[in-house]
Amino acid sequence: MHVISLAGSPRQPSRSSALLRRSEQWLQQRGVTITAYNLHDFDAEDLLYANFNSPQVKALADALAGADGLLVATPVYKAAYSGALKTLLDLLPERALEHKVVLPLATGGSLAHMLAVDYALKPVLSALKAQEVLHGVFADDSQIDMKAQPHPLPAPALALRLEEALESFYQALDRRAPVRAAGADLLRHFA
């Protein structure tokens, strides 16, 4: 299995990126290959001027085409996911998430932003034709200790919710395996 992770915070390190790193580690321990991206991998001018021919954006689109799923993490600002992440998602091809399982992760200053994942991020992921957008994980800033060493530490209740979401994500990825194999067999049949 191969998963793309995308850190949608313009600031590094960040709480949302800390959730993403913990998720990557959990999946890697189960044999999942992770290809990690963050907003800093993309030329700011390409994002600002909507350069659909950006080599970095094309590389992300190509990586997504060969992946089984996407982990996407974002901070929530003013009841929506980060604008830079929105700009990047807008540059992807219309069907960039076709046949992909997606797990959104988000952090925000208070629980008042909890529904931003459902009402702002999930519709965009669905518009990119994601096969399945799972119930995301939202954490308010107080649930992630950024001063913990050597890595930021989620509160126990958050760690449990994250692990449950990752287990669902892993199972959804595993369900895709027979679909991939059937598709490959069909292609060989017509080759």
Foldseek 3Di string as FASTA:
>chain_A
DEEEEEEEEPDPPDPQVLLVVVLVVVVVVVVYHYDYYYLVQFDPVCLVVVPLPGPSLVVVLVSLVPGAEYEYTAEDDPLAGDPSVVSSLVSHDQQSQANHEYEYEYEYQDCVSVCNCVPHVVVSSVSNVHPYYDDYQYYYPVQWQCPDPPHIDGHPVSVVVSVVSSVVNVVVSVVSVVVVVVVVVVVVVVD
